[in-house]
Amino acid sequence: YNDGSSFTAERWPPWHQGIEYDAGLFFIAYQRDPRSGFIRINKTVAAR
């Protein structure tokens, strides 16, 4: 997705703040069971 630009404060060094692209990924995932699907996977992803 690309929604133009907006003010952003980056979470990591170099800690830049200012007008940046408001763009990225609209993540969509289908699964049989979210507990053993997205939730399990994203707990690992979010931590590591």
All heavy atoms as atom14 arrays in JSON, in Angstrom:
{
  "sequence": "YNDGSSFTAERWPPWHQGIEYDAGLFFIAYQRDPRSGFIRINKTVAAR",
  "atom14_mask": [
    [1, 1, 1, 1, 1, 1, 1, 1, 1, 1, 1, 1, 0, 0],
    [1, 1, 1, 1, 1, 1, 1, 1, 0, 0, 0, 0, 0, 0],
    [1, 1, 1, 1, 1, 1, 1, 1, 0, 0, 0, 0, 0, 0],
    [1, 1, 1, 1, 0, 0, 0, 0, 0, 0, 0, 0, 0, 0],
    [1, 1, 1, 1, 1, 1, 0, 0, 0, 0, 0, 0, 0, 0],
    [1, 1, 1, 1, 1, 1, 0, 0, 0, 0, 0, 0, 0, 0],
    [1, 1, 1, 1, 1, 1, 1, 1, 1, 1, 1, 0, 0, 0],
    [1, 1, 1, 1, 1, 1, 1, 0, 0, 0, 0, 0, 0, 0],
    [1, 1, 1, 1, 1, 0, 0, 0, 0, 0, 0, 0, 0, 0],
    [1, 1, 1, 1, 1, 1, 1, 1, 1, 0, 0, 0, 0, 0],
    [1, 1, 1, 1, 1, 1, 1, 1, 1, 1, 1, 0, 0, 0],
    [1, 1, 1, 1, 1, 1, 1, 1, 1, 1, 1, 1, 1, 1],
    [1, 1, 1, 1, 1, 1, 1, 0, 0, 0, 0, 0, 0, 0],
    [1, 1, 1, 1, 1, 1, 1, 0, 0, 0, 0, 0, 0, 0],
    [1, 1, 1, 1, 1, 1, 1, 1, 1, 1, 1, 1, 1, 1],
    [1, 1, 1, 1, 1, 1, 1, 1, 1, 1, 0, 0, 0, 0],
    [1, 1, 1, 1, 1, 1, 1, 1, 1, 0, 0, 0, 0, 0],
    [1, 1, 1, 1, 0, 0, 0, 0, 0, 0, 0, 0, 0, 0],
    [1, 1, 1, 1, 1, 1, 1, 1, 0, 0, 0, 0, 0, 0],
    [1, 1, 1, 1, 1, 1, 1, 1, 1, 0, 0, 0, 0, 0],
    [1, 1, 1, 1, 1, 1, 1, 1, 1, 1, 1, 1, 0, 0],
    [1, 1, 1, 1, 1, 1, 1, 1, 0, 0, 0, 0, 0, 0],
    [1, 1, 1, 1, 1, 0, 0, 0, 0, 0, 0, 0, 0, 0],
    [1, 1, 1, 1, 0, 0, 0, 0, 0, 0, 0, 0, 0, 0],
    [1, 1, 1, 1, 1, 1, 1, 1, 0, 0, 0, 0, 0, 0],
    [1, 1, 1, 1, 1, 1, 1, 1, 1, 1, 1, 0, 0, 0],
    [1, 1, 1, 1, 1, 1, 1, 1, 1, 1, 1, 0, 0, 0],
    [1, 1, 1, 1, 1, 1, 1, 1, 0, 0, 0, 0, 0, 0],
    [1, 1, 1, 1, 1, 0, 0, 0, 0, 0, 0, 0, 0, 0],
    [1, 1, 1, 1, 1, 1, 1, 1, 1, 1, 1, 1, 0, 0],
    [1, 1, 1, 1, 1, 1, 1, 1, 1, 0, 0, 0, 0, 0],
    [1, 1, 1, 1, 1, 1, 1, 1, 1, 1, 1, 0, 0, 0],
    [1, 1, 1, 1, 1, 1, 1, 1, 0, 0, 0, 0, 0, 0],
    [1, 1, 1, 1, 1, 1, 1, 0, 0, 0, 0, 0, 0, 0],
    [1, 1, 1, 1, 1, 1, 1, 1, 1, 1, 1, 0, 0, 0],
    [1, 1, 1, 1, 1, 1, 0, 0, 0, 0, 0, 0, 0, 0],
    [1, 1, 1, 1, 0, 0, 0, 0, 0, 0, 0, 0, 0, 0],
    [1, 1, 1, 1, 1, 1, 1, 1, 1, 1, 1, 0, 0, 0],
    [1, 1, 1, 1, 1, 1, 1, 1, 0, 0, 0, 0, 0, 0],
    [1, 1, 1, 1, 1, 1, 1, 1, 1, 1, 1, 0, 0, 0],
    [1, 1, 1, 1, 1, 1, 1, 1, 0, 0, 0, 0, 0, 0],
    [1, 1, 1, 1, 1, 1, 1, 1, 0, 0, 0, 0, 0, 0],
    [1, 1, 1, 1, 1, 1, 1, 1, 1, 0, 0, 0, 0, 0],
    [1, 1, 1, 1, 1, 1, 1, 0, 0, 0, 0, 0, 0, 0],
    [1, 1, 1, 1, 1, 1, 1, 0, 0, 0, 0, 0, 0, 0],
    [1, 1, 1, 1, 1, 0, 0, 0, 0, 0, 0, 0, 0, 0],
    [1, 1, 1, 1, 1, 0, 0, 0, 0, 0, 0, 0, 0, 0],
    [1, 1, 1, 1, 1, 1, 1, 1, 1, 1, 1, 0, 0, 0]
  ],
  "atom14_positions": [
    [[0.85, -1.19, 0.0], [0.0, 0.0, 0.0], [0.88, 1.24, 0.0], [2.03, 1.22, 0.45], [-0.95, 0.01, 1.21], [-0.31, 0.36, 2.53], [-0.2, 1.69, 2.94], [0.18, -0.62, 3.38], [0.39, 2.03, 4.15], [0.77, -0.3, 4.59], [0.87, 1.03, 4.97], [1.47, 1.36, 6.17], [0.0, 0.0, 0.0], [0.0, 0.0, 0.0]],
    [[0.33, 2.33, -0.51], [1.0, 3.62, -0.53], [-0.05, 4.68, -0.28], [-0.89, 4.96, -1.15], [1.7, 3.87, -1.87], [2.25, 5.27, -1.99], [2.47, 5.95, -0.98], [2.47, 5.73, -3.21], [0.0, 0.0, 0.0], [0.0, 0.0, 0.0], [0.0, 0.0, 0.0], [0.0, 0.0, 0.0], [0.0, 0.0, 0.0], [0.0, 0.0, 0.0]],
    [[-0.05, 5.25, 0.91], [-1.04, 6.26, 1.29], [-0.42, 7.65, 1.39], [-0.81, 8.47, 2.22], [-1.68, 5.88, 2.63], [-2.59, 4.67, 2.51], [-2.96, 4.34, 1.37], [-2.91, 4.04, 3.53], [0.0, 0.0, 0.0], [0.0, 0.0, 0.0], [0.0, 0.0, 0.0], [0.0, 0.0, 0.0], [0.0, 0.0, 0.0], [0.0, 0.0, 0.0]],
    [[0.55, 7.92, 0.53], [1.16, 9.25, 0.51], [2.27, 9.36, 1.54], [3.14, 8.5, 1.64], [0.0, 0.0, 0.0], [0.0, 0.0, 0.0], [0.0, 0.0, 0.0], [0.0, 0.0, 0.0], [0.0, 0.0, 0.0], [0.0, 0.0, 0.0], [0.0, 0.0, 0.0], [0.0, 0.0, 0.0], [0.0, 0.0, 0.0], [0.0, 0.0, 0.0]],
    [[2.23, 10.41, 2.33], [3.26, 10.63, 3.34], [2.65, 11.25, 4.58], [1.55, 11.83, 4.53], [4.37, 11.56, 2.8], [3.82, 12.83, 2.46], [0.0, 0.0, 0.0], [0.0, 0.0, 0.0], [0.0, 0.0, 0.0], [0.0, 0.0, 0.0], [0.0, 0.0, 0.0], [0.0, 0.0, 0.0], [0.0, 0.0, 0.0], [0.0, 0.0, 0.0]],
    [[3.33, 11.1, 5.71], [2.86, 11.68, 6.96], [4.04, 11.79, 7.93], [5.13, 11.25, 7.67], [1.75, 10.83, 7.58], [2.22, 9.54, 7.91], [0.0, 0.0, 0.0], [0.0, 0.0, 0.0], [0.0, 0.0, 0.0], [0.0, 0.0, 0.0], [0.0, 0.0, 0.0], [0.0, 0.0, 0.0], [0.0, 0.0, 0.0], [0.0, 0.0, 0.0]],
    [[3.82, 12.47, 9.04], [4.89, 12.62, 10.04], [5.1, 11.3, 10.76], [4.14, 10.65, 11.2], [4.53, 13.72, 11.05], [5.61, 13.94, 12.08], [6.67, 14.8, 11.81], [5.58, 13.29, 13.3], [7.68, 14.99, 12.75], [6.57, 13.48, 14.24], [7.62, 14.34, 13.97], [0.0, 0.0, 0.0], [0.0, 0.0, 0.0], [0.0, 0.0, 0.0]],
    [[6.36, 10.9, 10.89], [6.68, 9.62, 11.52], [7.9, 9.78, 12.41], [8.85, 10.5, 12.07], [6.98, 8.54, 10.46], [5.85, 8.42, 9.6], [7.26, 7.2, 11.11], [0.0, 0.0, 0.0], [0.0, 0.0, 0.0], [0.0, 0.0, 0.0], [0.0, 0.0, 0.0], [0.0, 0.0, 0.0], [0.0, 0.0, 0.0], [0.0, 0.0, 0.0]],
    [[7.87, 9.08, 13.54], [9.05, 8.97, 14.41], [9.51, 7.52, 14.35], [8.78, 6.61, 14.77], [8.7, 9.36, 15.84], [0.0, 0.0, 0.0], [0.0, 0.0, 0.0], [0.0, 0.0, 0.0], [0.0, 0.0, 0.0], [0.0, 0.0, 0.0], [0.0, 0.0, 0.0], [0.0, 0.0, 0.0], [0.0, 0.0, 0.0], [0.0, 0.0, 0.0]],
    [[10.69, 7.27, 13.8], [11.18, 5.91, 13.64], [11.44, 5.26, 14.99], [11.88, 5.92, 15.94], [12.44, 5.89, 12.78], [12.19, 6.25, 11.32], [13.44, 6.11, 10.46], [14.48, 5.69, 10.99], [13.38, 6.45, 9.26], [0.0, 0.0, 0.0], [0.0, 0.0, 0.0], [0.0, 0.0, 0.0], [0.0, 0.0, 0.0], [0.0, 0.0, 0.0]],
    [[11.22, 3.95, 15.06], [11.36, 3.2, 16.3], [12.8, 2.84, 16.62], [13.12, 2.49, 17.75], [10.55, 1.9, 16.21], [9.06, 2.09, 16.04], [8.4, 0.75, 15.73], [8.7, -0.25, 16.73], [8.69, -1.57, 16.51], [8.42, -2.02, 15.3], [8.98, -2.42, 17.48], [0.0, 0.0, 0.0], [0.0, 0.0, 0.0], [0.0, 0.0, 0.0]],
    [[13.69, 2.88, 15.61], [15.05, 2.39, 15.78], [16.03, 3.47, 15.3], [15.66, 4.39, 14.59], [15.26, 1.12, 14.96], [14.4, -0.02, 15.4], [13.09, -0.26, 15.08], [14.78, -1.09, 16.26], [12.64, -1.38, 15.67], [13.64, -1.94, 16.4], [15.96, -1.44, 16.93], [13.67, -3.1, 17.17], [15.98, -2.59, 17.69], [14.85, -3.41, 17.82]],
    [[17.3, 3.33, 15.68], [18.31, 4.28, 15.18], [18.26, 4.32, 13.66], [18.05, 3.27, 13.04], [19.63, 3.71, 15.69], [19.26, 2.9, 16.9], [17.9, 2.34, 16.59], [0.0, 0.0, 0.0], [0.0, 0.0, 0.0], [0.0, 0.0, 0.0], [0.0, 0.0, 0.0], [0.0, 0.0, 0.0], [0.0, 0.0, 0.0], [0.0, 0.0, 0.0]],
    [[18.41, 5.5, 13.05], [18.87, 6.77, 13.63], [17.79, 7.63, 14.27], [17.98, 8.84, 14.42], [19.47, 7.48, 12.42], [18.62, 7.0, 11.27], [18.28, 5.59, 11.59], [0.0, 0.0, 0.0], [0.0, 0.0, 0.0], [0.0, 0.0, 0.0], [0.0, 0.0, 0.0], [0.0, 0.0, 0.0], [0.0, 0.0, 0.0], [0.0, 0.0, 0.0]],
    [[16.63, 7.06, 14.65], [15.58, 7.78, 15.36], [15.07, 9.0, 14.58], [14.7, 10.01, 15.17], [16.05, 8.24, 16.74], [16.78, 7.22, 17.53], [18.1, 7.24, 17.84], [16.24, 6.03, 18.13], [18.45, 6.13, 18.58], [17.31, 5.36, 18.78], [14.98, 5.44, 18.18], [17.15, 4.17, 19.47], [14.82, 4.26, 18.86], [15.88, 3.63, 19.5]],
    [[15.07, 8.9, 13.28], [14.63, 10.03, 12.46], [13.17, 10.37, 12.71], [12.32, 9.49, 12.88], [14.83, 9.7, 10.98], [14.28, 10.74, 10.04], [14.93, 11.94, 9.82], [13.15, 10.78, 9.28], [14.22, 12.66, 8.96], [13.13, 11.97, 8.61], [0.0, 0.0, 0.0], [0.0, 0.0, 0.0], [0.0, 0.0, 0.0], [0.0, 0.0, 0.0]],
    [[12.87, 11.66, 12.75], [11.49, 12.13, 12.83], [11.25, 13.13, 11.71], [12.07, 14.0, 11.46], [11.22, 12.82, 14.19], [11.33, 11.88, 15.38], [10.91, 12.56, 16.68], [10.03, 13.41, 16.65], [11.53, 12.18, 17.78], [0.0, 0.0, 0.0], [0.0, 0.0, 0.0], [0.0, 0.0, 0.0], [0.0, 0.0, 0.0], [0.0, 0.0, 0.0]],
    [[10.13, 12.99, 11.05], [9.81, 13.91, 9.97], [8.81, 13.3, 9.02], [8.2, 12.26, 9.28], [0.0, 0.0, 0.0], [0.0, 0.0, 0.0], [0.0, 0.0, 0.0], [0.0, 0.0, 0.0], [0.0, 0.0, 0.0], [0.0, 0.0, 0.0], [0.0, 0.0, 0.0], [0.0, 0.0, 0.0], [0.0, 0.0, 0.0], [0.0, 0.0, 0.0]],
    [[8.65, 13.94, 7.88], [7.71, 13.47, 6.86], [8.35, 12.29, 6.13], [9.43, 12.41, 5.56], [7.34, 14.59, 5.89], [6.63, 15.72, 6.62], [6.46, 14.05, 4.77], [5.3, 15.31, 7.26], [0.0, 0.0, 0.0], [0.0, 0.0, 0.0], [0.0, 0.0, 0.0], [0.0, 0.0, 0.0], [0.0, 0.0, 0.0], [0.0, 0.0, 0.0]],
    [[7.66, 11.17, 6.14], [8.13, 9.97, 5.46], [6.97, 9.33, 4.7], [5.81, 9.68, 4.9], [8.72, 8.97, 6.46], [9.99, 9.45, 7.14], [10.65, 8.37, 7.98], [10.02, 7.31, 8.2], [11.8, 8.57, 8.41], [0.0, 0.0, 0.0], [0.0, 0.0, 0.0], [0.0, 0.0, 0.0], [0.0, 0.0, 0.0], [0.0, 0.0, 0.0]],
    [[7.31, 8.39, 3.85], [6.27, 7.66, 3.13], [5.35, 6.95, 4.12], [5.81, 6.3, 5.05], [6.88, 6.62, 2.2], [7.76, 7.18, 1.11], [9.1, 6.82, 1.04], [7.25, 8.05, 0.15], [9.92, 7.31, 0.05], [8.07, 8.54, -0.85], [9.41, 8.17, -0.89], [10.21, 8.67, -1.88], [0.0, 0.0, 0.0], [0.0, 0.0, 0.0]],
    [[4.05, 7.08, 3.9], [3.08, 6.27, 4.64], [2.76, 5.09, 3.74], [1.76, 5.07, 3.02], [1.82, 7.08, 4.96], [0.86, 6.33, 5.86], [1.14, 5.15, 6.18], [-0.17, 6.9, 6.24], [0.0, 0.0, 0.0], [0.0, 0.0, 0.0], [0.0, 0.0, 0.0], [0.0, 0.0, 0.0], [0.0, 0.0, 0.0], [0.0, 0.0, 0.0]],
    [[3.66, 4.11, 3.75], [3.57, 3.0, 2.83], [4.08, 1.74, 3.51], [4.79, 1.8, 4.51], [4.39, 3.29, 1.57], [0.0, 0.0, 0.0], [0.0, 0.0, 0.0], [0.0, 0.0, 0.0], [0.0, 0.0, 0.0], [0.0, 0.0, 0.0], [0.0, 0.0, 0.0], [0.0, 0.0, 0.0], [0.0, 0.0, 0.0], [0.0, 0.0, 0.0]],
    [[3.7, 0.61, 2.96], [4.15, -0.64, 3.54], [3.39, -1.83, 3.0], [3.09, -1.9, 1.8], [0.0, 0.0, 0.0], [0.0, 0.0, 0.0], [0.0, 0.0, 0.0], [0.0, 0.0, 0.0], [0.0, 0.0, 0.0], [0.0, 0.0, 0.0], [0.0, 0.0, 0.0], [0.0, 0.0, 0.0], [0.0, 0.0, 0.0], [0.0, 0.0, 0.0]],
    [[3.05, -2.74, 3.89], [2.42, -3.99, 3.51], [1.08, -4.12, 4.21], [0.99, -4.01, 5.43], [3.31, -5.17, 3.9], [2.85, -6.55, 3.45], [3.06, -6.72, 1.94], [3.58, -7.66, 4.2], [0.0, 0.0, 0.0], [0.0, 0.0, 0.0], [0.0, 0.0, 0.0], [0.0, 0.0, 0.0], [0.0, 0.0, 0.0], [0.0, 0.0, 0.0]],
    [[0.01, -4.35, 3.41], [-1.27, -4.72, 3.99], [-1.3, -6.24, 4.0], [-1.62, -6.89, 3.01], [-2.43, -4.13, 3.18], [-3.76, -4.32, 3.86], [-3.98, -3.82, 5.14], [-4.79, -4.99, 3.24], [-5.2, -3.99, 5.78], [-6.02, -5.16, 3.86], [-6.21, -4.66, 5.14], [0.0, 0.0, 0.0], [0.0, 0.0, 0.0], [0.0, 0.0, 0.0]],
    [[-0.91, -6.78, 5.14], [-0.76, -8.22, 5.33], [-2.14, -8.87, 5.44], [-2.99, -8.43, 6.21], [0.06, -8.46, 6.6], [0.2, -9.9, 7.01], [1.28, -10.65, 6.57], [-0.72, -10.49, 7.86], [1.42, -11.97, 6.96], [-0.58, -11.81, 8.26], [0.49, -12.55, 7.81], [0.0, 0.0, 0.0], [0.0, 0.0, 0.0], [0.0, 0.0, 0.0]],
    [[-2.37, -9.9, 4.64], [-3.62, -10.65, 4.65], [-3.25, -12.12, 4.68], [-2.47, -12.58, 3.83], [-4.48, -10.35, 3.41], [-4.76, -8.84, 3.29], [-5.79, -11.13, 3.46], [-5.38, -8.45, 1.96], [0.0, 0.0, 0.0], [0.0, 0.0, 0.0], [0.0, 0.0, 0.0], [0.0, 0.0, 0.0], [0.0, 0.0, 0.0], [0.0, 0.0, 0.0]],
    [[-3.77, -12.86, 5.65], [-3.43, -14.27, 5.75], [-4.66, -15.09, 6.11], [-5.37, -14.78, 7.07], [-2.34, -14.5, 6.8], [0.0, 0.0, 0.0], [0.0, 0.0, 0.0], [0.0, 0.0, 0.0], [0.0, 0.0, 0.0], [0.0, 0.0, 0.0], [0.0, 0.0, 0.0], [0.0, 0.0, 0.0], [0.0, 0.0, 0.0], [0.0, 0.0, 0.0]],
    [[-4.9, -16.14, 5.31], [-6.02, -17.06, 5.55], [-5.48, -18.33, 6.21], [-4.37, -18.77, 5.92], [-6.72, -17.39, 4.24], [-7.5, -16.23, 3.68], [-6.92, -15.35, 2.76], [-8.82, -15.99, 4.06], [-7.63, -14.27, 2.24], [-9.54, -14.91, 3.56], [-8.94, -14.06, 2.65], [-9.64, -12.99, 2.15], [0.0, 0.0, 0.0], [0.0, 0.0, 0.0]],
    [[-6.31, -18.92, 7.07], [-5.87, -20.11, 7.79], [-7.06, -20.89, 8.36], [-8.15, -20.33, 8.54], [-4.95, -19.71, 8.95], [-5.6, -18.79, 9.97], [-4.83, -17.5, 10.16], [-3.91, -17.49, 10.94], [-5.18, -16.45, 9.43], [0.0, 0.0, 0.0], [0.0, 0.0, 0.0], [0.0, 0.0, 0.0], [0.0, 0.0, 0.0], [0.0, 0.0, 0.0]],
    [[-6.79, -22.13, 8.68], [-7.82, -23.0, 9.25], [-8.09, -22.67, 10.7], [-9.24, -22.74, 11.16], [-7.4, -24.46, 9.1], [-8.4, -25.46, 9.66], [-8.03, -26.88, 9.28], [-8.99, -27.84, 9.82], [-9.06, -29.11, 9.44], [-8.21, -29.57, 8.53], [-9.96, -29.93, 9.97], [0.0, 0.0, 0.0], [0.0, 0.0, 0.0], [0.0, 0.0, 0.0]],
    [[-7.04, -22.29, 11.44], [-7.18, -22.0, 12.86], [-6.17, -20.92, 13.24], [-4.96, -21.17, 13.2], [-6.94, -23.26, 13.69], [-7.3, -23.1, 15.16], [-7.15, -21.98, 15.69], [-7.73, -24.09, 15.78], [0.0, 0.0, 0.0], [0.0, 0.0, 0.0], [0.0, 0.0, 0.0], [0.0, 0.0, 0.0], [0.0, 0.0, 0.0], [0.0, 0.0, 0.0]],
    [[-6.62, -19.72, 13.61], [-5.68, -18.64, 13.95], [-4.77, -18.97, 15.13], [-3.66, -18.44, 15.21], [-6.61, -17.46, 14.28], [-7.9, -17.78, 13.61], [-8.03, -19.27, 13.66], [0.0, 0.0, 0.0], [0.0, 0.0, 0.0], [0.0, 0.0, 0.0], [0.0, 0.0, 0.0], [0.0, 0.0, 0.0], [0.0, 0.0, 0.0], [0.0, 0.0, 0.0]],
    [[-5.22, -19.83, 16.02], [-4.41, -20.14, 17.2], [-3.12, -20.88, 16.81], [-2.05, -20.59, 17.36], [-5.22, -20.99, 18.18], [-6.46, -20.29, 18.73], [-7.37, -21.24, 19.48], [-7.9, -22.29, 18.59], [-8.77, -23.23, 18.97], [-9.21, -23.25, 20.23], [-9.21, -24.13, 18.1], [0.0, 0.0, 0.0], [0.0, 0.0, 0.0], [0.0, 0.0, 0.0]],
    [[-3.24, -21.81, 15.88], [-2.07, -22.56, 15.43], [-1.48, -21.97, 14.15], [-0.47, -22.47, 13.66], [-2.45, -24.02, 15.19], [-3.5, -24.12, 14.23], [0.0, 0.0, 0.0], [0.0, 0.0, 0.0], [0.0, 0.0, 0.0], [0.0, 0.0, 0.0], [0.0, 0.0, 0.0], [0.0, 0.0, 0.0], [0.0, 0.0, 0.0], [0.0, 0.0, 0.0]],
    [[-2.12, -20.92, 13.64], [-1.65, -20.28, 12.42], [-0.96, -18.97, 12.72], [0.17, -18.92, 13.23], [0.0, 0.0, 0.0], [0.0, 0.0, 0.0], [0.0, 0.0, 0.0], [0.0, 0.0, 0.0], [0.0, 0.0, 0.0], [0.0, 0.0, 0.0], [0.0, 0.0, 0.0], [0.0, 0.0, 0.0], [0.0, 0.0, 0.0], [0.0, 0.0, 0.0]],
    [[-1.64, -17.86, 12.43], [-1.02, -16.55, 12.55], [-0.51, -16.26, 13.97], [0.6, -15.74, 14.14], [-1.99, -15.46, 12.13], [-1.47, -14.07, 12.38], [-0.55, -13.5, 11.51], [-1.86, -13.35, 13.49], [-0.04, -12.22, 11.75], [-1.37, -12.08, 13.73], [-0.45, -11.52, 12.85], [0.0, 0.0, 0.0], [0.0, 0.0, 0.0], [0.0, 0.0, 0.0]],
    [[-1.31, -16.57, 14.98], [-0.93, -16.2, 16.35], [0.37, -16.89, 16.74], [1.28, -16.25, 17.29], [-2.06, -16.54, 17.33], [-3.27, -15.64, 17.07], [-1.6, -16.39, 18.78], [-4.49, -15.97, 17.89], [0.0, 0.0, 0.0], [0.0, 0.0, 0.0], [0.0, 0.0, 0.0], [0.0, 0.0, 0.0], [0.0, 0.0, 0.0], [0.0, 0.0, 0.0]],
    [[0.47, -18.17, 16.45], [1.7, -18.88, 16.8], [2.9, -18.32, 16.05], [3.96, -18.08, 16.63], [1.54, -20.37, 16.49], [2.78, -21.19, 16.82], [2.51, -22.66, 16.82], [3.66, -23.41, 17.32], [3.63, -24.7, 17.61], [2.51, -25.39, 17.47], [4.72, -25.32, 18.05], [0.0, 0.0, 0.0], [0.0, 0.0, 0.0], [0.0, 0.0, 0.0]],
    [[2.73, -18.11, 14.75], [3.85, -17.62, 13.95], [4.24, -16.21, 14.36], [5.43, -15.89, 14.52], [3.49, -17.67, 12.46], [3.29, -19.12, 12.0], [4.55, -16.99, 11.61], [2.69, -19.26, 10.62], [0.0, 0.0, 0.0], [0.0, 0.0, 0.0], [0.0, 0.0, 0.0], [0.0, 0.0, 0.0], [0.0, 0.0, 0.0], [0.0, 0.0, 0.0]],
    [[3.25, -15.33, 14.55], [3.58, -13.93, 14.81], [4.17, -13.71, 16.2], [4.88, -12.73, 16.42], [2.36, -13.04, 14.62], [2.74, -11.61, 14.32], [3.51, -11.36, 13.39], [2.25, -10.67, 15.12], [0.0, 0.0, 0.0], [0.0, 0.0, 0.0], [0.0, 0.0, 0.0], [0.0, 0.0, 0.0], [0.0, 0.0, 0.0], [0.0, 0.0, 0.0]],
    [[3.87, -14.59, 17.15], [4.54, -14.48, 18.45], [6.05, -14.65, 18.29], [6.83, -13.94, 18.91], [3.98, -15.53, 19.42], [2.63, -15.16, 20.02], [2.18, -16.22, 21.03], [0.87, -15.81, 21.69], [0.4, -16.86, 22.65], [0.0, 0.0, 0.0], [0.0, 0.0, 0.0], [0.0, 0.0, 0.0], [0.0, 0.0, 0.0], [0.0, 0.0, 0.0]],
    [[6.43, -15.59, 17.42], [7.86, -15.8, 17.14], [8.43, -14.61, 16.39], [9.51, -14.09, 16.72], [8.05, -17.08, 16.32], [7.43, -18.18, 16.98], [9.53, -17.38, 16.13], [0.0, 0.0, 0.0], [0.0, 0.0, 0.0], [0.0, 0.0, 0.0], [0.0, 0.0, 0.0], [0.0, 0.0, 0.0], [0.0, 0.0, 0.0], [0.0, 0.0, 0.0]],
    [[7.7, -14.16, 15.37], [8.17, -13.04, 14.56], [8.31, -11.77, 15.4], [9.31, -11.04, 15.3], [7.21, -12.8, 13.37], [7.51, -11.5, 12.67], [7.28, -13.98, 12.39], [0.0, 0.0, 0.0], [0.0, 0.0, 0.0], [0.0, 0.0, 0.0], [0.0, 0.0, 0.0], [0.0, 0.0, 0.0], [0.0, 0.0, 0.0], [0.0, 0.0, 0.0]],
    [[7.31, -11.48, 16.22], [7.34, -10.26, 17.03], [8.49, -10.25, 18.02], [9.03, -9.19, 18.36], [6.01, -10.09, 17.76], [0.0, 0.0, 0.0], [0.0, 0.0, 0.0], [0.0, 0.0, 0.0], [0.0, 0.0, 0.0], [0.0, 0.0, 0.0], [0.0, 0.0, 0.0], [0.0, 0.0, 0.0], [0.0, 0.0, 0.0], [0.0, 0.0, 0.0]],
    [[8.9, -11.42, 18.47], [9.95, -11.5, 19.49], [11.35, -11.56, 18.9], [12.3, -11.06, 19.52], [9.71, -12.72, 20.38], [0.0, 0.0, 0.0], [0.0, 0.0, 0.0], [0.0, 0.0, 0.0], [0.0, 0.0, 0.0], [0.0, 0.0, 0.0], [0.0, 0.0, 0.0], [0.0, 0.0, 0.0], [0.0, 0.0, 0.0], [0.0, 0.0, 0.0]],
    [[11.5, -12.12, 17.69], [12.86, -12.44, 17.22], [13.23, -11.84, 15.87], [14.42, -11.82, 15.51], [13.02, -13.96, 17.13], [13.0, -14.68, 18.45], [12.99, -16.2, 18.23], [13.91, -16.62, 17.18], [13.86, -17.82, 16.59], [12.92, -18.68, 16.94], [14.74, -18.14, 15.66], [0.0, 0.0, 0.0], [0.0, 0.0, 0.0], [0.0, 0.0, 0.0]]
  ]
}
